């Protein structure tokens, strides 16, 4: 599992290892809701506590580790980030 935090909206994904994306701020989360799994901006917004959000992240980790697909997996992000056997010479 990869827990990936982003503040600018990186569309990183990883096919070999599910990637849960944590958005650090609500405006970016709203712009990229189809690609971000959890909005951590709720702490700054004052709508959730740190312990509550920590529990939400932990529960998401358990669900995704048990087979629920992340948003990256659903949208196919990550298929080009990992190329274990390149077909050409790499310099």
N, C-alpha and C. Protein backbone atom coordinates (compact mmCIF):
# COMPACT_ATOMS: atom_id res chain seq x y z
N UNK A 1 0.84 -1.18 0.00
CA UNK A 1 0.00 0.00 0.00
C UNK A 1 0.88 1.25 0.00
N UNK A 2 0.40 2.25 -0.73
CA UNK A 2 1.05 3.57 -0.73
C UNK A 2 0.02 4.57 -0.23
N UNK A 3 0.40 5.37 0.75
CA UNK A 3 -0.42 6.48 1.19
C UNK A 3 0.29 7.72 0.68
N UNK A 4 -0.30 8.39 -0.29
CA UNK A 4 0.36 9.48 -1.02
C UNK A 4 -0.35 10.79 -0.69
N UNK A 5 0.40 11.74 -0.12
CA UNK A 5 -0.19 13.05 0.17
C UNK A 5 0.15 14.01 -0.95
N UNK A 6 -0.80 14.85 -1.29
CA UNK A 6 -0.56 15.84 -2.33
C UNK A 6 -1.26 17.14 -1.98
N UNK A 7 -0.60 18.23 -2.27
CA UNK A 7 -1.17 19.55 -2.04
C UNK A 7 -1.47 20.28 -3.33
N UNK A 8 -0.88 19.78 -4.41
CA UNK A 8 -1.09 20.43 -5.71
C UNK A 8 -1.88 19.55 -6.67
N UNK A 9 -2.18 18.33 -6.27
CA UNK A 9 -3.02 17.48 -7.10
C UNK A 9 -2.29 16.56 -8.03
N UNK A 10 -1.21 15.98 -7.58
CA UNK A 10 -0.49 15.02 -8.41
C UNK A 10 -1.37 13.82 -8.72
N UNK A 11 -1.38 13.40 -9.95
CA UNK A 11 -2.19 12.25 -10.39
C UNK A 11 -1.39 10.96 -10.33
N UNK A 12 -0.58 10.80 -9.32
CA UNK A 12 0.25 9.61 -9.16
C UNK A 12 -0.63 8.41 -8.84
N UNK A 13 -0.25 7.27 -9.37
CA UNK A 13 -0.87 6.01 -9.03
C UNK A 13 0.17 4.92 -9.18
N UNK A 14 -0.11 3.74 -8.71
CA UNK A 14 0.85 2.65 -8.79
C UNK A 14 0.11 1.34 -8.98
N UNK A 15 0.26 0.73 -10.13
CA UNK A 15 -0.43 -0.53 -10.40
C UNK A 15 0.01 -1.66 -9.46
N UNK A 16 1.30 -1.84 -9.17
CA UNK A 16 1.68 -2.95 -8.30
C UNK A 16 1.25 -2.78 -6.85
N UNK A 17 1.05 -1.53 -6.43
CA UNK A 17 0.71 -1.28 -5.03
C UNK A 17 -0.40 -0.23 -4.98
N UNK A 18 -1.56 -0.58 -4.47
CA UNK A 18 -2.65 0.40 -4.42
C UNK A 18 -2.22 1.69 -3.74
N UNK A 19 -2.64 2.83 -4.31
CA UNK A 19 -2.25 4.13 -3.82
C UNK A 19 -3.49 4.88 -3.32
N UNK A 20 -3.51 5.18 -2.02
CA UNK A 20 -4.57 6.00 -1.44
C UNK A 20 -4.06 7.43 -1.45
N UNK A 21 -4.78 8.31 -2.13
CA UNK A 21 -4.34 9.70 -2.24
C UNK A 21 -5.06 10.58 -1.22
N UNK A 22 -4.25 11.30 -0.44
CA UNK A 22 -4.75 12.22 0.57
C UNK A 22 -4.57 13.65 0.07
N UNK A 23 -5.67 14.35 -0.11
CA UNK A 23 -5.62 15.76 -0.53
C UNK A 23 -5.41 16.62 0.70
N UNK A 24 -4.42 17.50 0.66
CA UNK A 24 -4.09 18.29 1.84
C UNK A 24 -4.98 19.51 2.03
N UNK A 25 -5.77 19.87 1.02
CA UNK A 25 -6.64 21.03 1.16
C UNK A 25 -7.95 20.81 0.41
N UNK A 26 -9.01 21.42 0.92
CA UNK A 26 -10.35 21.21 0.38
C UNK A 26 -10.54 21.76 -1.03
N UNK A 27 -10.04 22.96 -1.38
CA UNK A 27 -10.24 23.44 -2.75
C UNK A 27 -9.67 22.47 -3.80
N UNK A 28 -8.47 21.94 -3.56
CA UNK A 28 -7.89 20.99 -4.50
C UNK A 28 -8.69 19.69 -4.52
N UNK A 29 -9.12 19.22 -3.35
CA UNK A 29 -9.93 18.00 -3.29
C UNK A 29 -11.19 18.16 -4.13
N UNK A 30 -11.85 19.30 -4.01
CA UNK A 30 -13.08 19.52 -4.78
C UNK A 30 -12.82 19.56 -6.28
N UNK A 31 -11.68 20.12 -6.69
CA UNK A 31 -11.32 20.16 -8.12
C UNK A 31 -11.02 18.77 -8.64
N UNK A 32 -10.48 17.90 -7.78
CA UNK A 32 -10.00 16.59 -8.24
C UNK A 32 -10.69 15.44 -7.50
N UNK A 33 -11.94 15.61 -7.17
CA UNK A 33 -12.66 14.61 -6.36
C UNK A 33 -12.66 13.22 -7.00
N UNK A 34 -12.58 13.15 -8.32
CA UNK A 34 -12.57 11.85 -8.99
C UNK A 34 -11.24 11.13 -8.83
N UNK A 35 -10.19 11.85 -8.38
CA UNK A 35 -8.86 11.25 -8.28
C UNK A 35 -8.32 11.19 -6.85
N UNK A 36 -8.92 11.94 -5.92
CA UNK A 36 -8.46 11.97 -4.54
C UNK A 36 -9.35 11.07 -3.68
N UNK A 37 -8.74 10.28 -2.82
CA UNK A 37 -9.50 9.35 -1.98
C UNK A 37 -10.02 10.00 -0.69
N UNK A 38 -9.21 10.84 -0.07
CA UNK A 38 -9.59 11.42 1.22
C UNK A 38 -9.21 12.90 1.25
N UNK A 39 -10.12 13.73 1.75
CA UNK A 39 -9.87 15.16 1.90
C UNK A 39 -9.34 15.43 3.31
N UNK A 40 -8.06 15.74 3.43
CA UNK A 40 -7.47 16.08 4.73
C UNK A 40 -7.61 17.57 5.05
N UNK A 41 -8.13 18.34 4.10
CA UNK A 41 -8.38 19.76 4.33
C UNK A 41 -9.43 20.01 5.38
N UNK A 42 -10.18 18.98 5.74
CA UNK A 42 -11.22 19.14 6.76
C UNK A 42 -10.62 19.55 8.11
N UNK A 43 -9.36 19.25 8.33
CA UNK A 43 -8.69 19.66 9.58
C UNK A 43 -8.56 21.19 9.59
N UNK A 44 -8.04 21.75 8.50
CA UNK A 44 -7.88 23.20 8.39
C UNK A 44 -9.25 23.87 8.39
N UNK A 45 -10.23 23.24 7.71
CA UNK A 45 -11.59 23.80 7.64
C UNK A 45 -12.28 23.78 9.00
N UNK A 46 -11.81 22.93 9.91
CA UNK A 46 -12.39 22.83 11.24
C UNK A 46 -13.64 21.97 11.31
N UNK A 47 -13.85 21.13 10.29
CA UNK A 47 -15.06 20.30 10.27
C UNK A 47 -14.82 18.89 10.80
N UNK A 48 -13.55 18.51 10.97
CA UNK A 48 -13.21 17.21 11.57
C UNK A 48 -11.99 17.37 12.47
N UNK A 49 -11.88 16.49 13.43
CA UNK A 49 -10.71 16.50 14.31
C UNK A 49 -9.63 15.61 13.72
N UNK A 50 -8.42 15.83 14.17
CA UNK A 50 -7.30 15.00 13.73
C UNK A 50 -7.52 13.52 14.08
N UNK A 51 -7.96 13.18 15.30
CA UNK A 51 -8.21 11.77 15.61
C UNK A 51 -9.30 11.15 14.72
N UNK A 52 -10.35 11.92 14.41
CA UNK A 52 -11.41 11.40 13.53
C UNK A 52 -10.88 11.13 12.13
N UNK A 53 -10.09 12.05 11.61
CA UNK A 53 -9.53 11.86 10.27
C UNK A 53 -8.53 10.71 10.27
N UNK A 54 -7.74 10.60 11.33
CA UNK A 54 -6.80 9.47 11.44
C UNK A 54 -7.53 8.14 11.38
N UNK A 55 -8.65 8.05 12.07
CA UNK A 55 -9.47 6.82 12.03
C UNK A 55 -9.99 6.57 10.62
N UNK A 56 -10.44 7.63 9.93
CA UNK A 56 -10.95 7.50 8.57
C UNK A 56 -9.85 6.98 7.62
N UNK A 57 -8.64 7.51 7.77
CA UNK A 57 -7.52 7.06 6.93
C UNK A 57 -7.19 5.61 7.24
N UNK A 58 -7.14 5.25 8.51
CA UNK A 58 -6.85 3.87 8.90
C UNK A 58 -7.90 2.90 8.36
N UNK A 59 -9.17 3.28 8.46
CA UNK A 59 -10.24 2.42 7.95
C UNK A 59 -10.17 2.28 6.43
N UNK A 60 -9.80 3.36 5.73
CA UNK A 60 -9.63 3.28 4.28
C UNK A 60 -8.48 2.34 3.94
N UNK A 61 -7.38 2.43 4.69
CA UNK A 61 -6.24 1.54 4.47
C UNK A 61 -6.67 0.08 4.60
N UNK A 62 -7.45 -0.23 5.62
CA UNK A 62 -7.93 -1.60 5.80
C UNK A 62 -8.83 -2.04 4.65
N UNK A 63 -9.74 -1.17 4.23
CA UNK A 63 -10.64 -1.52 3.12
C UNK A 63 -9.87 -1.77 1.82
N UNK A 64 -8.94 -0.88 1.52
CA UNK A 64 -8.19 -1.02 0.26
C UNK A 64 -7.22 -2.20 0.32
N UNK A 65 -6.64 -2.45 1.47
CA UNK A 65 -5.76 -3.62 1.63
C UNK A 65 -6.56 -4.92 1.52
N UNK A 66 -7.86 -4.83 1.78
CA UNK A 66 -8.72 -6.01 1.69
C UNK A 66 -9.35 -6.17 0.31
N UNK A 67 -9.01 -5.26 -0.63
CA UNK A 67 -9.47 -5.45 -2.00
C UNK A 67 -10.33 -4.36 -2.59
N UNK A 68 -10.85 -3.44 -1.78
CA UNK A 68 -11.63 -2.34 -2.36
C UNK A 68 -10.69 -1.48 -3.21
N UNK A 69 -11.09 -1.15 -4.40
CA UNK A 69 -10.23 -0.39 -5.31
C UNK A 69 -10.17 1.08 -4.92
N UNK A 70 -8.97 1.67 -5.05
CA UNK A 70 -8.79 3.09 -4.83
C UNK A 70 -9.26 3.84 -6.07
N UNK A 71 -9.37 5.15 -5.97
CA UNK A 71 -9.78 5.94 -7.13
C UNK A 71 -8.77 5.83 -8.27
N UNK A 72 -7.47 5.72 -7.94
CA UNK A 72 -6.45 5.52 -8.98
C UNK A 72 -6.68 4.21 -9.71
N UNK A 73 -6.98 3.17 -8.97
CA UNK A 73 -7.22 1.87 -9.59
C UNK A 73 -8.46 1.90 -10.47
N UNK A 74 -9.50 2.56 -9.99
CA UNK A 74 -10.75 2.64 -10.76
C UNK A 74 -10.54 3.38 -12.07
N UNK A 75 -9.76 4.47 -12.03
CA UNK A 75 -9.56 5.28 -13.24
C UNK A 75 -8.38 4.82 -14.10
N UNK A 76 -7.61 3.83 -13.63
CA UNK A 76 -6.50 3.32 -14.42
C UNK A 76 -5.21 4.10 -14.29
N UNK A 77 -5.14 5.04 -13.34
CA UNK A 77 -3.91 5.81 -13.12
C UNK A 77 -2.88 4.88 -12.49
N UNK A 78 -1.67 4.87 -13.03
CA UNK A 78 -0.61 4.06 -12.47
C UNK A 78 -0.12 2.97 -13.40
N UNK A 79 -0.81 2.78 -14.50
CA UNK A 79 -0.41 1.73 -15.43
C UNK A 79 0.88 2.08 -16.17
N UNK A 80 1.19 3.38 -16.30
CA UNK A 80 2.40 3.80 -17.01
C UNK A 80 3.55 4.18 -16.08
N UNK A 81 3.28 4.29 -14.77
CA UNK A 81 4.33 4.67 -13.83
C UNK A 81 5.28 3.52 -13.51
N UNK A 82 4.86 2.31 -13.74
CA UNK A 82 5.65 1.14 -13.39
C UNK A 82 5.86 0.29 -14.63
N UNK A 83 7.09 0.25 -15.14
CA UNK A 83 7.41 -0.54 -16.32
C UNK A 83 8.61 -1.42 -15.96
N UNK A 84 8.36 -2.65 -15.49
CA UNK A 84 9.46 -3.47 -15.00
C UNK A 84 10.39 -4.01 -16.09
N UNK A 85 9.91 -4.17 -17.30
CA UNK A 85 10.75 -4.72 -18.37
C UNK A 85 10.68 -3.84 -19.61
N UNK A 86 11.49 -2.77 -19.63
CA UNK A 86 11.46 -1.90 -20.82
C UNK A 86 11.92 -2.66 -22.07
N UNK A 87 11.33 -2.34 -23.18
CA UNK A 87 11.63 -3.04 -24.42
C UNK A 87 12.76 -2.40 -25.20
N UNK A 88 13.32 -1.30 -24.71
CA UNK A 88 14.40 -0.62 -25.40
C UNK A 88 15.55 -0.36 -24.42
N UNK A 89 16.70 0.00 -24.98
CA UNK A 89 17.85 0.35 -24.15
C UNK A 89 17.56 1.63 -23.42
N UNK A 90 17.84 1.65 -22.12
CA UNK A 90 17.60 2.86 -21.32
C UNK A 90 18.94 3.49 -20.97
N UNK A 91 19.09 4.75 -21.23
CA UNK A 91 20.34 5.46 -20.92
C UNK A 91 20.19 6.35 -19.73
